[in-house]
């Protein structure tokens, strides 16, 4: 608390922080509902996100990134492989290793999922907010970007 803040102002900021956290959770849940990607465990979601963001990887590197044993990662990956979301190929640098990546079909599913979430957001913003409110929302998004980038 700075020397200019009153206890009431600090309480209001705490309430704002709590509201923001709760709204973030609710928005994430609602976007997940709109995406229809499927039911994944948290570790499966993390692996899929990592493969999408970082590209192909070995079981060992994925396990290290997730802080788990390679055997546990192998179980997670076998489920994702069986579902057709992940595929493996021999590592060109080390034939004993397998390089894993997302399948083209799953990449297509990710793209469709993002489009569904963005479409829901677009339609909801367009129908529930006036033009002035849409401008306020854009300002709020800019503020959230600053919050996240700090």
N, C-alpha and C. Protein backbone atom coordinates (compact mmCIF):
# COMPACT_ATOMS: atom_id res chain seq x y z
N UNK A 1 0.85 -1.18 0.00
CA UNK A 1 0.00 0.00 0.00
C UNK A 1 0.90 1.24 0.00
N UNK A 2 0.65 2.14 -0.93
CA UNK A 2 1.45 3.36 -0.97
C UNK A 2 0.94 4.34 0.08
N UNK A 3 1.71 5.40 0.32
CA UNK A 3 1.34 6.36 1.38
C UNK A 3 0.06 7.13 1.04
N UNK A 4 -0.37 7.10 -0.23
CA UNK A 4 -1.57 7.83 -0.64
C UNK A 4 -2.82 6.96 -0.58
N UNK A 5 -2.65 5.65 -0.42
CA UNK A 5 -3.79 4.74 -0.38
C UNK A 5 -4.43 4.75 1.00
N UNK A 6 -5.73 4.70 1.02
CA UNK A 6 -6.45 4.56 2.28
C UNK A 6 -6.76 3.08 2.47
N UNK A 7 -7.08 2.68 3.69
CA UNK A 7 -7.47 1.27 3.87
C UNK A 7 -8.66 0.88 3.00
N UNK A 8 -9.60 1.82 2.80
CA UNK A 8 -10.75 1.53 1.95
C UNK A 8 -10.32 1.32 0.50
N UNK A 9 -9.36 2.11 0.03
CA UNK A 9 -8.86 1.95 -1.34
C UNK A 9 -8.16 0.61 -1.48
N UNK A 10 -7.39 0.23 -0.46
CA UNK A 10 -6.70 -1.06 -0.50
C UNK A 10 -7.71 -2.20 -0.51
N UNK A 11 -8.78 -2.08 0.29
CA UNK A 11 -9.82 -3.10 0.31
C UNK A 11 -10.49 -3.21 -1.06
N UNK A 12 -10.74 -2.07 -1.69
CA UNK A 12 -11.36 -2.07 -3.02
C UNK A 12 -10.45 -2.75 -4.05
N UNK A 13 -9.14 -2.52 -3.95
CA UNK A 13 -8.19 -3.17 -4.87
C UNK A 13 -8.15 -4.67 -4.63
N UNK A 14 -8.21 -5.10 -3.37
CA UNK A 14 -8.26 -6.53 -3.07
C UNK A 14 -9.52 -7.16 -3.66
N UNK A 15 -10.64 -6.47 -3.53
CA UNK A 15 -11.90 -6.97 -4.09
C UNK A 15 -11.81 -7.03 -5.61
N UNK A 16 -11.21 -6.03 -6.22
CA UNK A 16 -11.02 -6.01 -7.67
C UNK A 16 -10.14 -7.18 -8.11
N UNK A 17 -9.06 -7.43 -7.38
CA UNK A 17 -8.17 -8.54 -7.71
C UNK A 17 -8.92 -9.86 -7.63
N UNK A 18 -9.74 -10.03 -6.60
CA UNK A 18 -10.52 -11.27 -6.46
C UNK A 18 -11.52 -11.40 -7.60
N UNK A 19 -12.24 -10.32 -7.91
CA UNK A 19 -13.21 -10.36 -9.02
C UNK A 19 -12.53 -10.72 -10.33
N UNK A 20 -11.36 -10.14 -10.57
CA UNK A 20 -10.63 -10.41 -11.80
C UNK A 20 -10.21 -11.88 -11.88
N UNK A 21 -9.73 -12.42 -10.77
CA UNK A 21 -9.34 -13.83 -10.74
C UNK A 21 -10.54 -14.74 -11.02
N UNK A 22 -11.66 -14.48 -10.36
CA UNK A 22 -12.86 -15.29 -10.53
C UNK A 22 -13.38 -15.18 -11.97
N UNK A 23 -13.39 -13.97 -12.50
CA UNK A 23 -13.85 -13.79 -13.88
C UNK A 23 -12.95 -14.50 -14.87
N UNK A 24 -11.64 -14.49 -14.62
CA UNK A 24 -10.71 -15.21 -15.49
C UNK A 24 -11.01 -16.70 -15.52
N UNK A 25 -11.30 -17.26 -14.36
CA UNK A 25 -11.64 -18.69 -14.28
C UNK A 25 -12.94 -18.96 -15.03
N UNK A 26 -13.94 -18.11 -14.81
CA UNK A 26 -15.23 -18.30 -15.47
C UNK A 26 -15.12 -18.15 -16.99
N UNK A 27 -14.33 -17.17 -17.45
CA UNK A 27 -14.15 -16.98 -18.88
C UNK A 27 -13.44 -18.19 -19.49
N UNK A 28 -12.41 -18.67 -18.83
CA UNK A 28 -11.68 -19.84 -19.32
C UNK A 28 -12.62 -21.05 -19.42
N UNK A 29 -13.45 -21.24 -18.39
CA UNK A 29 -14.41 -22.35 -18.39
C UNK A 29 -15.40 -22.21 -19.54
N UNK A 30 -15.91 -21.00 -19.71
CA UNK A 30 -16.91 -20.78 -20.78
C UNK A 30 -16.29 -20.99 -22.16
N UNK A 31 -15.07 -20.52 -22.35
CA UNK A 31 -14.40 -20.73 -23.64
C UNK A 31 -14.15 -22.21 -23.89
N UNK A 32 -13.82 -22.94 -22.83
CA UNK A 32 -13.62 -24.39 -22.97
C UNK A 32 -14.94 -25.04 -23.41
N UNK A 33 -16.06 -24.60 -22.83
CA UNK A 33 -17.37 -25.14 -23.21
C UNK A 33 -17.68 -24.86 -24.68
N UNK A 34 -17.28 -23.70 -25.17
CA UNK A 34 -17.55 -23.32 -26.55
C UNK A 34 -16.64 -24.02 -27.55
N UNK A 35 -15.50 -24.53 -27.10
CA UNK A 35 -14.50 -25.05 -28.03
C UNK A 35 -14.79 -26.45 -28.52
N UNK A 36 -15.41 -27.30 -27.70
CA UNK A 36 -15.69 -28.68 -28.07
C UNK A 36 -14.44 -29.44 -28.51
N UNK A 37 -13.32 -29.22 -27.86
CA UNK A 37 -12.10 -29.95 -28.21
C UNK A 37 -12.15 -31.36 -27.66
N UNK A 38 -12.75 -31.54 -26.54
CA UNK A 38 -12.81 -32.86 -25.92
C UNK A 38 -12.43 -32.78 -24.46
N UNK A 39 -12.55 -33.91 -23.80
CA UNK A 39 -12.21 -33.98 -22.39
C UNK A 39 -10.79 -34.48 -22.24
N UNK A 40 -9.95 -33.64 -21.69
CA UNK A 40 -8.56 -33.99 -21.46
C UNK A 40 -8.23 -33.78 -19.99
N UNK A 41 -7.28 -34.56 -19.52
CA UNK A 41 -6.76 -34.31 -18.18
C UNK A 41 -5.89 -33.06 -18.25
N UNK A 42 -5.63 -32.43 -17.11
CA UNK A 42 -4.75 -31.26 -17.14
C UNK A 42 -3.38 -31.57 -17.74
N UNK A 43 -2.80 -32.73 -17.42
CA UNK A 43 -1.48 -33.05 -17.98
C UNK A 43 -1.55 -33.27 -19.49
N UNK A 44 -2.63 -33.86 -19.98
CA UNK A 44 -2.79 -34.02 -21.43
C UNK A 44 -2.90 -32.66 -22.10
N UNK A 45 -3.67 -31.75 -21.51
CA UNK A 45 -3.81 -30.41 -22.07
C UNK A 45 -2.46 -29.70 -22.11
N UNK A 46 -1.67 -29.84 -21.05
CA UNK A 46 -0.37 -29.18 -21.00
C UNK A 46 0.56 -29.73 -22.08
N UNK A 47 0.54 -31.03 -22.29
CA UNK A 47 1.40 -31.64 -23.31
C UNK A 47 0.97 -31.19 -24.69
N UNK A 48 -0.32 -31.21 -24.97
CA UNK A 48 -0.81 -30.77 -26.27
C UNK A 48 -0.46 -29.30 -26.52
N UNK A 49 -0.63 -28.47 -25.51
CA UNK A 49 -0.30 -27.05 -25.65
C UNK A 49 1.19 -26.86 -25.89
N UNK A 50 2.00 -27.62 -25.18
CA UNK A 50 3.45 -27.52 -25.34
C UNK A 50 3.88 -27.95 -26.74
N UNK A 51 3.32 -29.05 -27.24
CA UNK A 51 3.66 -29.50 -28.59
C UNK A 51 3.20 -28.49 -29.64
N UNK A 52 2.07 -27.87 -29.40
CA UNK A 52 1.61 -26.87 -30.36
C UNK A 52 2.50 -25.63 -30.33
N UNK A 53 2.83 -25.19 -29.14
CA UNK A 53 3.60 -23.96 -28.98
C UNK A 53 5.07 -24.14 -29.34
N UNK A 54 5.68 -25.22 -28.89
CA UNK A 54 7.12 -25.41 -29.05
C UNK A 54 7.50 -26.32 -30.21
N UNK A 55 6.56 -27.08 -30.73
CA UNK A 55 6.86 -28.00 -31.82
C UNK A 55 7.23 -29.37 -31.30
N UNK A 56 7.73 -30.20 -32.20
CA UNK A 56 8.05 -31.59 -31.90
C UNK A 56 9.02 -31.70 -30.73
N UNK A 57 8.87 -32.79 -29.96
CA UNK A 57 9.71 -32.99 -28.78
C UNK A 57 9.79 -34.48 -28.45
N UNK A 58 10.79 -34.83 -27.68
CA UNK A 58 10.93 -36.22 -27.22
C UNK A 58 10.16 -36.40 -25.91
N UNK A 59 9.93 -37.65 -25.55
CA UNK A 59 9.27 -37.96 -24.28
C UNK A 59 10.06 -37.34 -23.13
N UNK A 60 11.37 -37.48 -23.18
CA UNK A 60 12.22 -36.97 -22.10
C UNK A 60 12.10 -35.45 -21.97
N UNK A 61 12.13 -34.74 -23.09
CA UNK A 61 12.05 -33.27 -23.01
C UNK A 61 10.66 -32.82 -22.55
N UNK A 62 9.62 -33.54 -22.97
CA UNK A 62 8.27 -33.20 -22.50
C UNK A 62 8.14 -33.47 -21.00
N UNK A 63 8.69 -34.60 -20.55
CA UNK A 63 8.63 -34.93 -19.13
C UNK A 63 9.37 -33.88 -18.31
N UNK A 64 10.53 -33.47 -18.78
CA UNK A 64 11.31 -32.45 -18.07
C UNK A 64 10.52 -31.14 -18.00
N UNK A 65 9.91 -30.76 -19.12
CA UNK A 65 9.15 -29.50 -19.16
C UNK A 65 7.95 -29.53 -18.22
N UNK A 66 7.39 -30.71 -18.00
CA UNK A 66 6.21 -30.84 -17.14
C UNK A 66 6.56 -31.26 -15.71
N UNK A 67 7.85 -31.48 -15.45
CA UNK A 67 8.27 -31.87 -14.11
C UNK A 67 7.80 -33.24 -13.70
N UNK A 68 7.82 -34.17 -14.63
CA UNK A 68 7.39 -35.53 -14.31
C UNK A 68 8.39 -36.55 -14.82
N UNK A 69 8.23 -37.78 -14.42
CA UNK A 69 9.11 -38.85 -14.87
C UNK A 69 8.76 -39.21 -16.32
N UNK A 70 9.76 -39.62 -17.11
CA UNK A 70 9.49 -40.03 -18.50
C UNK A 70 8.45 -41.17 -18.59
N UNK A 71 8.44 -42.07 -17.61
CA UNK A 71 7.46 -43.16 -17.62
C UNK A 71 6.04 -42.62 -17.52
N UNK A 72 5.85 -41.64 -16.64
CA UNK A 72 4.52 -41.02 -16.49
C UNK A 72 4.13 -40.28 -17.76
N UNK A 73 5.10 -39.59 -18.37
CA UNK A 73 4.83 -38.89 -19.62
C UNK A 73 4.47 -39.89 -20.71
N UNK A 74 5.15 -41.04 -20.70
CA UNK A 74 4.85 -42.08 -21.69
C UNK A 74 3.40 -42.54 -21.61
N UNK A 75 2.87 -42.66 -20.39
CA UNK A 75 1.46 -43.04 -20.21
C UNK A 75 0.53 -41.97 -20.79
N UNK A 76 0.85 -40.72 -20.50
CA UNK A 76 0.04 -39.61 -21.03
C UNK A 76 0.06 -39.63 -22.55
N UNK A 77 1.26 -39.80 -23.12
CA UNK A 77 1.41 -39.78 -24.57
C UNK A 77 0.76 -40.98 -25.24
N UNK A 78 0.78 -42.14 -24.61
CA UNK A 78 0.15 -43.30 -25.24
C UNK A 78 -1.35 -43.09 -25.39
N UNK A 79 -1.97 -42.42 -24.41
CA UNK A 79 -3.40 -42.10 -24.52
C UNK A 79 -3.64 -41.12 -25.68
N UNK A 80 -2.78 -40.11 -25.78
CA UNK A 80 -2.93 -39.11 -26.85
C UNK A 80 -2.66 -39.73 -28.22
N UNK A 81 -1.71 -40.66 -28.29
CA UNK A 81 -1.44 -41.35 -29.56
C UNK A 81 -2.63 -42.21 -29.97
N UNK A 82 -3.18 -42.95 -29.00
CA UNK A 82 -4.33 -43.83 -29.28
C UNK A 82 -5.53 -43.03 -29.77
N UNK A 83 -5.67 -41.80 -29.28
CA UNK A 83 -6.77 -40.95 -29.72
C UNK A 83 -6.51 -40.30 -31.07
N UNK A 84 -5.28 -40.44 -31.59
CA UNK A 84 -4.96 -39.86 -32.89
C UNK A 84 -4.56 -38.40 -32.83
N UNK A 85 -4.17 -37.92 -31.65
CA UNK A 85 -3.79 -36.51 -31.50
C UNK A 85 -2.29 -36.28 -31.64
N UNK A 86 -1.51 -37.31 -31.32
CA UNK A 86 -0.06 -37.21 -31.33
C UNK A 86 0.50 -38.37 -32.14
N UNK A 87 1.57 -38.09 -32.87
CA UNK A 87 2.25 -39.12 -33.63
C UNK A 87 3.74 -39.05 -33.33
N UNK A 88 4.42 -40.16 -33.55
CA UNK A 88 5.85 -40.20 -33.29
C UNK A 88 6.63 -40.64 -34.52
N UNK A 89 7.86 -40.15 -34.60
CA UNK A 89 8.77 -40.53 -35.69
C UNK A 89 10.17 -40.66 -35.09
N UNK A 90 11.01 -41.49 -35.69
CA UNK A 90 12.37 -41.62 -35.16
C UNK A 90 13.10 -40.28 -35.16
N UNK A 91 13.85 -40.04 -34.09
CA UNK A 91 14.66 -38.83 -33.98
C UNK A 91 15.80 -38.95 -34.98
N UNK A 92 15.94 -38.01 -35.91
CA UNK A 92 17.00 -38.09 -36.91
C UNK A 92 18.41 -38.01 -36.29
N UNK A 93 18.51 -37.43 -35.08
CA UNK A 93 19.80 -37.30 -34.41
C UNK A 93 20.12 -38.46 -33.48
N UNK A 94 19.08 -39.19 -33.06
CA UNK A 94 19.26 -40.29 -32.13
C UNK A 94 18.15 -41.30 -32.37
N UNK A 95 18.46 -42.33 -33.13
CA UNK A 95 17.47 -43.33 -33.52
C UNK A 95 16.82 -44.04 -32.35
N UNK A 96 17.40 -43.95 -31.16
CA UNK A 96 16.81 -44.60 -29.99
C UNK A 96 15.62 -43.80 -29.46
N UNK A 97 15.53 -42.53 -29.83
CA UNK A 97 14.48 -41.65 -29.33
C UNK A 97 13.39 -41.48 -30.38
N UNK A 98 12.23 -41.10 -29.92
CA UNK A 98 11.10 -40.79 -30.80
C UNK A 98 10.76 -39.32 -30.64
N UNK A 99 10.57 -38.65 -31.76
CA UNK A 99 10.15 -37.25 -31.74
C UNK A 99 8.64 -37.24 -31.93
N UNK A 100 7.96 -36.59 -31.01
CA UNK A 100 6.50 -36.56 -31.01
C UNK A 100 6.00 -35.21 -31.49
N UNK A 101 4.90 -35.25 -32.21
CA UNK A 101 4.29 -34.01 -32.69
C UNK A 101 2.79 -34.20 -32.81
N UNK A 102 2.09 -33.09 -32.95
CA UNK A 102 0.64 -33.15 -33.13
C UNK A 102 0.33 -33.65 -34.53
N UNK A 103 -0.74 -34.42 -34.65
CA UNK A 103 -1.16 -34.89 -35.97
C UNK A 103 -1.82 -33.75 -36.74
N UNK A 104 -1.79 -33.80 -38.06
CA UNK A 104 -2.50 -32.77 -38.85
C UNK A 104 -3.98 -32.71 -38.49
N UNK A 105 -4.60 -33.84 -38.22
CA UNK A 105 -6.02 -33.85 -37.87
C UNK A 105 -6.27 -33.09 -36.57
N UNK A 106 -5.36 -33.26 -35.59
CA UNK A 106 -5.55 -32.55 -34.33
C UNK A 106 -5.26 -31.07 -34.50
N UNK A 107 -4.28 -30.72 -35.32
CA UNK A 107 -4.03 -29.30 -35.58
C UNK A 107 -5.27 -28.64 -36.20
N UNK A 108 -5.94 -29.38 -37.07
CA UNK A 108 -7.17 -28.88 -37.69
C UNK A 108 -8.25 -28.69 -36.62
N UNK A 109 -8.30 -29.62 -35.68
CA UNK A 109 -9.27 -29.54 -34.58
C UNK A 109 -8.98 -28.33 -33.70
N UNK A 110 -7.71 -28.06 -33.44
CA UNK A 110 -7.32 -26.90 -32.64
C UNK A 110 -7.76 -25.61 -33.33
N UNK A 111 -7.52 -25.56 -34.64
CA UNK A 111 -7.90 -24.37 -35.41
C UNK A 111 -9.41 -24.15 -35.36
N UNK A 112 -10.18 -25.23 -35.50
CA UNK A 112 -11.64 -25.13 -35.45
C UNK A 112 -12.10 -24.72 -34.05
N UNK A 113 -11.42 -25.23 -33.04
CA UNK A 113 -11.77 -24.90 -31.66
C UNK A 113 -11.54 -23.42 -31.38
N UNK A 114 -10.42 -22.91 -31.84
CA UNK A 114 -10.14 -21.47 -31.66
C UNK A 114 -11.17 -20.62 -32.39
N UNK A 115 -11.51 -21.05 -33.60
CA UNK A 115 -12.50 -20.30 -34.38
C UNK A 115 -13.84 -20.30 -33.65
N UNK A 116 -14.22 -21.42 -33.05
CA UNK A 116 -15.49 -21.49 -32.32
C UNK A 116 -15.48 -20.55 -31.12
N UNK A 117 -14.37 -20.53 -30.38
CA UNK A 117 -14.28 -19.64 -29.22
C UNK A 117 -14.31 -18.18 -29.64
N UNK A 118 -13.56 -17.84 -30.68
CA UNK A 118 -13.54 -16.45 -31.15
C UNK A 118 -14.89 -16.04 -31.70
N UNK A 119 -15.58 -16.98 -32.37
CA UNK A 119 -16.90 -16.68 -32.90
C UNK A 119 -17.88 -16.42 -31.75
N UNK A 120 -17.80 -17.23 -30.70
CA UNK A 120 -18.67 -17.00 -29.54
C UNK A 120 -18.39 -15.63 -28.94
N UNK A 121 -17.11 -15.30 -28.75
CA UNK A 121 -16.76 -14.00 -28.20
C UNK A 121 -17.27 -12.87 -29.09
N UNK A 122 -17.03 -12.99 -30.39
CA UNK A 122 -17.47 -11.96 -31.34
C UNK A 122 -18.97 -11.74 -31.25
N UNK A 123 -19.74 -12.84 -31.35
CA UNK A 123 -21.20 -12.74 -31.32
C UNK A 123 -21.70 -12.16 -30.00
N UNK A 124 -21.09 -12.60 -28.90
CA UNK A 124 -21.52 -12.13 -27.59
C UNK A 124 -21.21 -10.66 -27.40
N UNK A 125 -20.03 -10.24 -27.78
CA UNK A 125 -19.67 -8.82 -27.67
C UNK A 125 -20.57 -7.98 -28.57
N UNK A 126 -20.81 -8.48 -29.78
CA UNK A 126 -21.63 -7.73 -30.75
C UNK A 126 -23.07 -7.58 -30.27
N UNK A 127 -23.64 -8.62 -29.65
CA UNK A 127 -25.05 -8.58 -29.29
C UNK A 127 -25.34 -8.04 -27.89
N UNK A 128 -24.37 -8.14 -26.99
CA UNK A 128 -24.64 -7.75 -25.60
C UNK A 128 -24.08 -6.38 -25.21
N UNK A 129 -23.23 -5.82 -26.05
CA UNK A 129 -22.60 -4.55 -25.69
C UNK A 129 -22.89 -3.49 -26.75
N UNK A 130 -23.15 -2.28 -26.27
CA UNK A 130 -23.33 -1.15 -27.17
C UNK A 130 -21.96 -0.79 -27.76
N UNK A 131 -21.97 0.10 -28.74
CA UNK A 131 -20.70 0.55 -29.35
C UNK A 131 -19.80 1.20 -28.30
N UNK A 132 -20.39 1.97 -27.40
CA UNK A 132 -19.59 2.62 -26.35
C UNK A 132 -19.01 1.57 -25.40
N UNK A 133 -19.81 0.56 -25.07
CA UNK A 133 -19.31 -0.50 -24.19
C UNK A 133 -18.22 -1.33 -24.87
N UNK A 134 -18.36 -1.52 -26.18
CA UNK A 134 -17.32 -2.24 -26.92
C UNK A 134 -15.99 -1.48 -26.86
N UNK A 135 -16.06 -0.16 -26.93
CA UNK A 135 -14.84 0.65 -26.80
C UNK A 135 -14.25 0.52 -25.39
N UNK A 136 -15.13 0.53 -24.38
CA UNK A 136 -14.66 0.34 -23.00
C UNK A 136 -14.00 -1.03 -22.84
N UNK A 137 -14.61 -2.03 -23.45
CA UNK A 137 -14.05 -3.38 -23.38
C UNK A 137 -12.67 -3.43 -24.03
N UNK A 138 -12.51 -2.76 -25.15
CA UNK A 138 -11.21 -2.71 -25.82
C UNK A 138 -10.16 -2.06 -24.91
N UNK A 139 -10.55 -1.01 -24.21
CA UNK A 139 -9.64 -0.37 -23.26
C UNK A 139 -9.29 -1.35 -22.13
N UNK A 140 -10.30 -2.07 -21.65
CA UNK A 140 -10.08 -3.06 -20.61
C UNK A 140 -9.13 -4.16 -21.06
N UNK A 141 -9.26 -4.58 -22.30
CA UNK A 141 -8.35 -5.61 -22.84
C UNK A 141 -6.93 -5.07 -22.88
N UNK A 142 -6.77 -3.83 -23.30
CA UNK A 142 -5.43 -3.22 -23.29
C UNK A 142 -4.85 -3.18 -21.87
N UNK A 143 -5.69 -2.85 -20.89
CA UNK A 143 -5.24 -2.83 -19.51
C UNK A 143 -4.85 -4.24 -19.04
N UNK A 144 -5.63 -5.23 -19.42
CA UNK A 144 -5.30 -6.61 -19.05
C UNK A 144 -3.98 -7.06 -19.68
N UNK A 145 -3.74 -6.64 -20.91
CA UNK A 145 -2.46 -6.95 -21.56
C UNK A 145 -1.30 -6.36 -20.74
N UNK A 146 -1.46 -5.12 -20.29
CA UNK A 146 -0.43 -4.48 -19.45
C UNK A 146 -0.26 -5.23 -18.15
N UNK A 147 -1.36 -5.69 -17.56
CA UNK A 147 -1.30 -6.43 -16.32
C UNK A 147 -0.51 -7.73 -16.50
N UNK A 148 -0.79 -8.43 -17.56
CA UNK A 148 -0.15 -9.72 -17.83
C UNK A 148 1.32 -9.53 -18.20
N UNK A 149 1.63 -8.48 -18.94
CA UNK A 149 3.01 -8.25 -19.39
C UNK A 149 3.89 -7.63 -18.32
N UNK A 150 3.34 -7.32 -17.15
CA UNK A 150 4.16 -6.66 -16.12
C UNK A 150 5.05 -7.64 -15.39
